[in-house]
């Protein structure tokens, strides 16, 4: 009986060793697959190129805006003063908003000569018109043409100046755009338009 049990145990041991040998052969075959995968890995680099190609459309309309200089038409000045504050309307960029519609990103610089810490929001109101109709301001994200559109809410100390952008969503990319700046808070002594200028959009 003991001999029979010993024979059975030996057979089981031989079978287990054979199974282990078979499992070791499988990884070697698996090693061949990764090497084939490495060759196919050259293919993903082409896929990476394709993904790079897919990233290109994301950049369409971004960073390719057309600079536009104020023409000075409309009887306004691109520099204005009100009390202890000054404002300058500077260059603009014809670009696109998040929906792919034409937009004008206008650059302003204002100086705070008062004795209070204020932001442009506290002092100025900004308007733009196209074909005599007011256009809305808009927000633009991930657009290299627009990098200072959040600076109008930045507070500055007395004597400091800051440059920022306002983005206006346009009706079209043909008609001129009139930009005006008015004061915000002094309703009793409203001086009207502080600074104004007109942008002639480039014609194709």
C-alpha atoms as a PDB file:
ATOM      1  CA  UNK A   1       0.000   0.000   0.000  1.00  0.00           C
ATOM      2  CA  UNK A   2       2.837   2.358   0.847  1.00  0.00           C
ATOM      3  CA  UNK A   3       4.499   1.561  -2.459  1.00  0.00           C
ATOM      4  CA  UNK A   4       1.267   2.368  -4.295  1.00  0.00           C
ATOM      5  CA  UNK A   5       0.982   5.685  -2.525  1.00  0.00           C
ATOM      6  CA  UNK A   6       4.596   6.489  -3.342  1.00  0.00           C
ATOM      7  CA  UNK A   7       4.020   5.729  -7.020  1.00  0.00           C
ATOM      8  CA  UNK A   8       0.928   7.959  -7.056  1.00  0.00           C
ATOM      9  CA  UNK A   9       2.830  10.824  -5.407  1.00  0.00           C
ATOM     10  CA  UNK A  10       5.677  10.442  -7.911  1.00  0.00           C
ATOM     11  CA  UNK A  11       3.196  10.562 -10.807  1.00  0.00           C
ATOM     12  CA  UNK A  12       1.544  13.660  -9.373  1.00  0.00           C
ATOM     13  CA  UNK A  13       4.965  15.286  -8.945  1.00  0.00           C
ATOM     14  CA  UNK A  14       5.902  14.511 -12.559  1.00  0.00           C
ATOM     15  CA  UNK A  15       2.589  15.915 -13.799  1.00  0.00           C
ATOM     16  CA  UNK A  16       3.012  19.116 -11.792  1.00  0.00           C
ATOM     17  CA  UNK A  17       6.536  19.591 -13.164  1.00  0.00           C
ATOM     18  CA  UNK A  18       5.246  19.091 -16.683  1.00  0.00           C
ATOM     19  CA  UNK A  19       2.540  21.696 -16.084  1.00  0.00           C
ATOM     20  CA  UNK A  20       5.121  24.169 -14.765  1.00  0.00           C
ATOM     21  CA  UNK A  21       7.269  23.580 -17.817  1.00  0.00           C
ATOM     22  CA  UNK A  22       4.317  24.332 -20.056  1.00  0.00           C
ATOM     23  CA  UNK A  23       3.530  27.545 -18.182  1.00  0.00           C
ATOM     24  CA  UNK A  24       7.152  28.684 -18.574  1.00  0.00           C
ATOM     25  CA  UNK A  25       6.914  28.200 -22.303  1.00  0.00           C
ATOM     26  CA  UNK A  26       3.877  30.454 -22.409  1.00  0.00           C
ATOM     27  CA  UNK A  27       5.720  33.576 -21.167  1.00  0.00           C
ATOM     28  CA  UNK A  28       8.400  33.027 -23.789  1.00  0.00           C
ATOM     29  CA  UNK A  29       5.641  33.122 -26.328  1.00  0.00           C
ATOM     30  CA  UNK A  30       4.294  36.124 -24.445  1.00  0.00           C
ATOM     31  CA  UNK A  31       7.716  37.750 -24.691  1.00  0.00           C
ATOM     32  CA  UNK A  32       7.497  37.374 -28.437  1.00  0.00           C
ATOM     33  CA  UNK A  33       4.161  39.172 -28.370  1.00  0.00           C
ATOM     34  CA  UNK A  34       5.523  42.262 -26.599  1.00  0.00           C
ATOM     35  CA  UNK A  35       8.410  42.387 -29.049  1.00  0.00           C
ATOM     36  CA  UNK A  36       5.820  42.300 -31.767  1.00  0.00           C
ATOM     37  CA  UNK A  37       4.036  44.936 -29.711  1.00  0.00           C
ATOM     38  CA  UNK A  38       7.214  46.991 -29.743  1.00  0.00           C
ATOM     39  CA  UNK A  39       7.136  46.830 -33.507  1.00  0.00           C
ATOM     40  CA  UNK A  40       3.498  47.743 -33.441  1.00  0.00           C
ATOM     41  CA  UNK A  41       4.538  50.421 -30.939  1.00  0.00           C
ATOM     42  CA  UNK A  42       6.146  52.122 -33.910  1.00  0.00           C
ATOM     43  CA  UNK A  43       2.617  52.288 -35.240  1.00  0.00           C
ATOM     44  CA  UNK A  44       1.297  54.238 -32.234  1.00  0.00           C
ATOM     45  CA  UNK A  45       3.914  56.861 -32.951  1.00  0.00           C
ATOM     46  CA  UNK A  46       2.044  57.318 -36.203  1.00  0.00           C
ATOM     47  CA  UNK A  47      -1.074  57.434 -34.081  1.00  0.00           C
ATOM     48  CA  UNK A  48       0.652  60.071 -31.996  1.00  0.00           C
ATOM     49  CA  UNK A  49       1.238  62.001 -35.179  1.00  0.00           C
ATOM     50  CA  UNK A  50      -2.433  61.595 -35.940  1.00  0.00           C
ATOM     51  CA  UNK A  51      -3.315  62.769 -32.457  1.00  0.00           C
ATOM     52  CA  UNK A  52      -1.046  65.699 -33.085  1.00  0.00           C
ATOM     53  CA  UNK A  53      -3.020  66.252 -36.249  1.00  0.00           C
ATOM     54  CA  UNK A  54      -6.205  66.097 -34.216  1.00  0.00           C
ATOM     55  CA  UNK A  55      -4.789  68.736 -31.874  1.00  0.00           C
ATOM     56  CA  UNK A  56      -4.276  71.128 -34.768  1.00  0.00           C
ATOM     57  CA  UNK A  57      -7.964  71.867 -35.318  1.00  0.00           C
ATOM     58  CA  UNK A  58      -8.173  72.782 -31.650  1.00  0.00           C
ATOM     59  CA  UNK A  59      -5.748  75.572 -32.423  1.00  0.00           C
ATOM     60  CA  UNK A  60      -7.725  76.783 -35.442  1.00  0.00           C
ATOM     61  CA  UNK A  61      -8.984  80.290 -34.775  1.00  0.00           C
ATOM     62  CA  UNK A  62      -6.666  80.595 -31.778  1.00  0.00           C
ATOM     63  CA  UNK A  63      -3.470  82.540 -31.866  1.00  0.00           C
ATOM     64  CA  UNK A  64      -4.025  83.520 -35.498  1.00  0.00           C
ATOM     65  CA  UNK A  65      -5.951  86.734 -34.909  1.00  0.00           C
ATOM     66  CA  UNK A  66      -5.468  89.831 -37.028  1.00  0.00           C
ATOM     67  CA  UNK A  67      -4.111  92.933 -35.239  1.00  0.00           C
ATOM     68  CA  UNK A  68      -6.343  95.991 -35.660  1.00  0.00           C
ATOM     69  CA  UNK A  69      -5.284  99.530 -34.803  1.00  0.00           C
ATOM     70  CA  UNK A  70      -7.787 102.219 -33.756  1.00  0.00           C
ATOM     71  CA  UNK A  71      -8.524 104.581 -36.617  1.00  0.00           C
ATOM     72  CA  UNK A  72      -9.464 107.559 -34.456  1.00  0.00           C
ATOM     73  CA  UNK A  73     -12.714 108.054 -36.327  1.00  0.00           C
ATOM     74  CA  UNK A  74     -15.978 108.935 -34.663  1.00  0.00           C
ATOM     75  CA  UNK A  75     -14.786 112.201 -33.142  1.00  0.00           C
ATOM     76  CA  UNK A  76     -13.476 110.477 -30.013  1.00  0.00           C
ATOM     77  CA  UNK A  77     -10.075 110.216 -28.393  1.00  0.00           C
ATOM     78  CA  UNK A  78      -8.469 106.927 -27.449  1.00  0.00           C
ATOM     79  CA  UNK A  79      -7.202 108.589 -24.246  1.00  0.00           C
ATOM     80  CA  UNK A  80      -9.551 109.763 -21.517  1.00  0.00           C
ATOM     81  CA  UNK A  81      -9.369 111.242 -18.040  1.00  0.00           C
ATOM     82  CA  UNK A  82     -11.984 111.355 -15.332  1.00  0.00           C
ATOM     83  CA  UNK A  83     -11.185 112.673 -11.875  1.00  0.00           C
ATOM     84  CA  UNK A  84      -8.203 110.757 -10.577  1.00  0.00           C
ATOM     85  CA  UNK A  85      -8.348 108.127 -13.301  1.00  0.00           C
ATOM     86  CA  UNK A  86      -7.042 107.790 -16.842  1.00  0.00           C
ATOM     87  CA  UNK A  87      -7.915 105.229 -19.506  1.00  0.00           C
ATOM     88  CA  UNK A  88      -6.316 104.424 -22.868  1.00  0.00           C
ATOM     89  CA  UNK A  89      -7.890 102.379 -25.653  1.00  0.00           C
ATOM     90  CA  UNK A  90      -5.105 100.590 -27.475  1.00  0.00           C
ATOM     91  CA  UNK A  91      -4.682  97.939 -30.151  1.00  0.00           C
ATOM     92  CA  UNK A  92      -7.165  95.146 -30.769  1.00  0.00           C
ATOM     93  CA  UNK A  93      -7.121  91.656 -32.267  1.00  0.00           C
ATOM     94  CA  UNK A  94      -9.800  90.288 -34.575  1.00  0.00           C
ATOM     95  CA  UNK A  95     -10.211  86.705 -33.411  1.00  0.00           C
ATOM     96  CA  UNK A  96     -12.961  84.184 -32.632  1.00  0.00           C
ATOM     97  CA  UNK A  97     -15.034  83.448 -29.578  1.00  0.00           C
ATOM     98  CA  UNK A  98     -15.658  79.987 -28.169  1.00  0.00           C
ATOM     99  CA  UNK A  99     -18.393  79.358 -30.732  1.00  0.00           C
ATOM    100  CA  UNK A 100     -16.156  80.230 -33.665  1.00  0.00           C
ATOM    101  CA  UNK A 101     -17.890  83.559 -34.266  1.00  0.00           C
ATOM    102  CA  UNK A 102     -15.914  86.751 -34.944  1.00  0.00           C
ATOM    103  CA  UNK A 103     -14.816  88.638 -31.849  1.00  0.00           C
ATOM    104  CA  UNK A 104     -12.705  91.700 -31.145  1.00  0.00           C
ATOM    105  CA  UNK A 105     -10.304  91.617 -28.202  1.00  0.00           C
ATOM    106  CA  UNK A 106      -9.572  95.236 -27.280  1.00  0.00           C
ATOM    107  CA  UNK A 107      -6.651  96.214 -25.049  1.00  0.00           C
ATOM    108  CA  UNK A 108      -7.044  98.950 -22.422  1.00  0.00           C
ATOM    109  CA  UNK A 109      -4.660 100.477 -19.901  1.00  0.00           C
ATOM    110  CA  UNK A 110      -5.936 102.425 -16.936  1.00  0.00           C
ATOM    111  CA  UNK A 111      -4.179 104.308 -14.141  1.00  0.00           C
ATOM    112  CA  UNK A 112      -5.454 104.811 -10.613  1.00  0.00           C
ATOM    113  CA  UNK A 113      -4.329 108.175  -9.238  1.00  0.00           C
ATOM    114  CA  UNK A 114      -6.851 108.205  -6.392  1.00  0.00           C
ATOM    115  CA  UNK A 115      -6.186 107.354  -2.752  1.00  0.00           C
ATOM    116  CA  UNK A 116      -8.200 104.100  -2.962  1.00  0.00           C
ATOM    117  CA  UNK A 117      -7.455 100.582  -4.152  1.00  0.00           C
ATOM    118  CA  UNK A 118      -9.798  99.913  -7.064  1.00  0.00           C
ATOM    119  CA  UNK A 119     -10.327  97.744 -10.132  1.00  0.00           C
ATOM    120  CA  UNK A 120     -11.434  98.766 -13.616  1.00  0.00           C
ATOM    121  CA  UNK A 121     -14.836  97.334 -12.741  1.00  0.00           C
ATOM    122  CA  UNK A 122     -15.132  99.941  -9.981  1.00  0.00           C
ATOM    123  CA  UNK A 123     -14.426 102.875 -12.291  1.00  0.00           C
ATOM    124  CA  UNK A 124     -15.270 102.183 -15.939  1.00  0.00           C
ATOM    125  CA  UNK A 125     -17.985 100.862 -18.222  1.00  0.00           C
ATOM    126  CA  UNK A 126     -17.084  99.476 -21.647  1.00  0.00           C
ATOM    127  CA  UNK A 127     -19.283  99.454 -24.731  1.00  0.00           C
ATOM    128  CA  UNK A 128     -18.843  98.434 -28.360  1.00  0.00           C
ATOM    129  CA  UNK A 129     -21.156  98.983 -31.335  1.00  0.00           C
ATOM    130  CA  UNK A 130     -21.337  97.491 -34.793  1.00  0.00           C
ATOM    131  CA  UNK A 131     -23.688  98.938 -37.401  1.00  0.00           C
ATOM    132  CA  UNK A 132     -24.981 101.211 -34.645  1.00  0.00           C
ATOM    133  CA  UNK A 133     -26.062  98.300 -32.424  1.00  0.00           C
ATOM    134  CA  UNK A 134     -24.408  97.400 -29.136  1.00  0.00           C
ATOM    135  CA  UNK A 135     -22.531  94.094 -29.138  1.00  0.00           C
ATOM    136  CA  UNK A 136     -22.080  91.917 -26.074  1.00  0.00           C
ATOM    137  CA  UNK A 137     -18.919  91.158 -24.184  1.00  0.00           C
ATOM    138  CA  UNK A 138     -17.885  87.517 -24.131  1.00  0.00           C
ATOM    139  CA  UNK A 139     -15.358  85.201 -22.536  1.00  0.00           C
ATOM    140  CA  UNK A 140     -12.724  83.345 -24.533  1.00  0.00           C
ATOM    141  CA  UNK A 141     -10.833  80.328 -23.217  1.00  0.00           C
ATOM    142  CA  UNK A 142      -7.568  78.770 -24.427  1.00  0.00           C
ATOM    143  CA  UNK A 143      -7.016  81.468 -27.026  1.00  0.00           C
ATOM    144  CA  UNK A 144      -3.475  82.882 -27.215  1.00  0.00           C
ATOM    145  CA  UNK A 145      -4.912  86.107 -28.662  1.00  0.00           C
ATOM    146  CA  UNK A 146      -6.681  86.752 -25.363  1.00  0.00           C
ATOM    147  CA  UNK A 147      -4.508  86.518 -22.261  1.00  0.00           C
ATOM    148  CA  UNK A 148      -5.538  89.565 -20.211  1.00  0.00           C
ATOM    149  CA  UNK A 149      -9.329  89.336 -20.230  1.00  0.00           C
ATOM    150  CA  UNK A 150      -9.469  88.630 -16.483  1.00  0.00           C
ATOM    151  CA  UNK A 151      -7.361  91.617 -15.454  1.00  0.00           C
ATOM    152  CA  UNK A 152     -10.224  94.120 -15.463  1.00  0.00           C
ATOM    153  CA  UNK A 153     -11.259  92.787 -12.068  1.00  0.00           C
ATOM    154  CA  UNK A 154      -7.727  93.075 -10.639  1.00  0.00           C
ATOM    155  CA  UNK A 155      -7.508  95.775  -7.978  1.00  0.00           C
ATOM    156  CA  UNK A 156      -4.589  98.191  -8.154  1.00  0.00           C
ATOM    157  CA  UNK A 157      -3.098 100.518  -5.552  1.00  0.00           C
ATOM    158  CA  UNK A 158      -2.982 104.319  -5.881  1.00  0.00           C
ATOM    159  CA  UNK A 159      -0.463 105.352  -8.515  1.00  0.00           C
ATOM    160  CA  UNK A 160      -0.473 101.962 -10.276  1.00  0.00           C
ATOM    161  CA  UNK A 161      -1.508 101.095 -13.836  1.00  0.00           C
ATOM    162  CA  UNK A 162      -2.697  97.834 -15.379  1.00  0.00           C
ATOM    163  CA  UNK A 163      -3.342  96.579 -18.901  1.00  0.00           C
ATOM    164  CA  UNK A 164      -6.275  94.299 -19.657  1.00  0.00           C
ATOM    165  CA  UNK A 165      -8.527  93.124 -22.493  1.00  0.00           C
ATOM    166  CA  UNK A 166     -12.252  93.176 -23.126  1.00  0.00           C
ATOM    167  CA  UNK A 167     -13.628  90.776 -25.728  1.00  0.00           C
ATOM    168  CA  UNK A 168     -16.675  91.789 -27.760  1.00  0.00           C
ATOM    169  CA  UNK A 169     -18.686  89.257 -29.746  1.00  0.00           C
ATOM    170  CA  UNK A 170     -19.307  90.742 -33.202  1.00  0.00           C
ATOM    171  CA  UNK A 171     -22.201  90.418 -35.624  1.00  0.00           C
ATOM    172  CA  UNK A 172     -19.760  90.044 -38.518  1.00  0.00           C
ATOM    173  CA  UNK A 173     -16.094  90.511 -39.395  1.00  0.00           C
ATOM    174  CA  UNK A 174     -16.695  93.304 -41.923  1.00  0.00           C
ATOM    175  CA  UNK A 175     -18.354  96.341 -40.328  1.00  0.00           C
ATOM    176  CA  UNK A 176     -16.351  98.829 -38.259  1.00  0.00           C
ATOM    177  CA  UNK A 177     -16.460  98.522 -34.476  1.00  0.00           C
ATOM    178  CA  UNK A 178     -16.892 101.603 -32.276  1.00  0.00           C
ATOM    179  CA  UNK A 179     -15.558 101.271 -28.738  1.00  0.00           C
ATOM    180  CA  UNK A 180     -16.462 103.653 -25.914  1.00  0.00           C
ATOM    181  CA  UNK A 181     -15.513 103.979 -22.263  1.00  0.00           C
ATOM    182  CA  UNK A 182     -17.727 105.714 -19.719  1.00  0.00           C
ATOM    183  CA  UNK A 183     -17.342 106.260 -15.986  1.00  0.00           C
ATOM    184  CA  UNK A 184     -19.130 103.857 -13.701  1.00  0.00           C
ATOM    185  CA  UNK A 185     -20.201 105.423 -10.438  1.00  0.00           C
ATOM    186  CA  UNK A 186     -20.644 109.221 -10.635  1.00  0.00           C
ATOM    187  CA  UNK A 187     -24.207 109.354 -11.925  1.00  0.00           C
ATOM    188  CA  UNK A 188     -24.875 112.867 -10.609  1.00  0.00           C
ATOM    189  CA  UNK A 189     -21.988 114.319 -12.611  1.00  0.00           C
ATOM    190  CA  UNK A 190     -22.072 112.020 -15.597  1.00  0.00           C
ATOM    191  CA  UNK A 191     -19.527 113.289 -18.140  1.00  0.00           C
ATOM    192  CA  UNK A 192     -20.696 110.847 -20.788  1.00  0.00           C
ATOM    193  CA  UNK A 193     -18.108 109.152 -22.984  1.00  0.00           C
ATOM    194  CA  UNK A 194     -14.588 109.438 -21.548  1.00  0.00           C
ATOM    195  CA  UNK A 195     -12.686 107.777 -24.400  1.00  0.00           C
ATOM    196  CA  UNK A 196     -13.751 106.407 -27.767  1.00  0.00           C
ATOM    197  CA  UNK A 197     -12.328 105.161 -31.031  1.00  0.00           C
ATOM    198  CA  UNK A 198     -13.275 103.148 -34.085  1.00  0.00           C
ATOM    199  CA  UNK A 199     -11.656  99.993 -35.403  1.00  0.00           C
ATOM    200  CA  UNK A 200     -11.759  99.407 -39.146  1.00  0.00           C
ATOM    201  CA  UNK A 201     -11.748  95.655 -39.592  1.00  0.00           C
ATOM    202  CA  UNK A 202      -9.399  94.373 -42.317  1.00  0.00           C
ATOM    203  CA  UNK A 203     -11.194  93.411 -45.500  1.00  0.00           C
ATOM    204  CA  UNK A 204     -10.386  90.119 -47.203  1.00  0.00           C
END
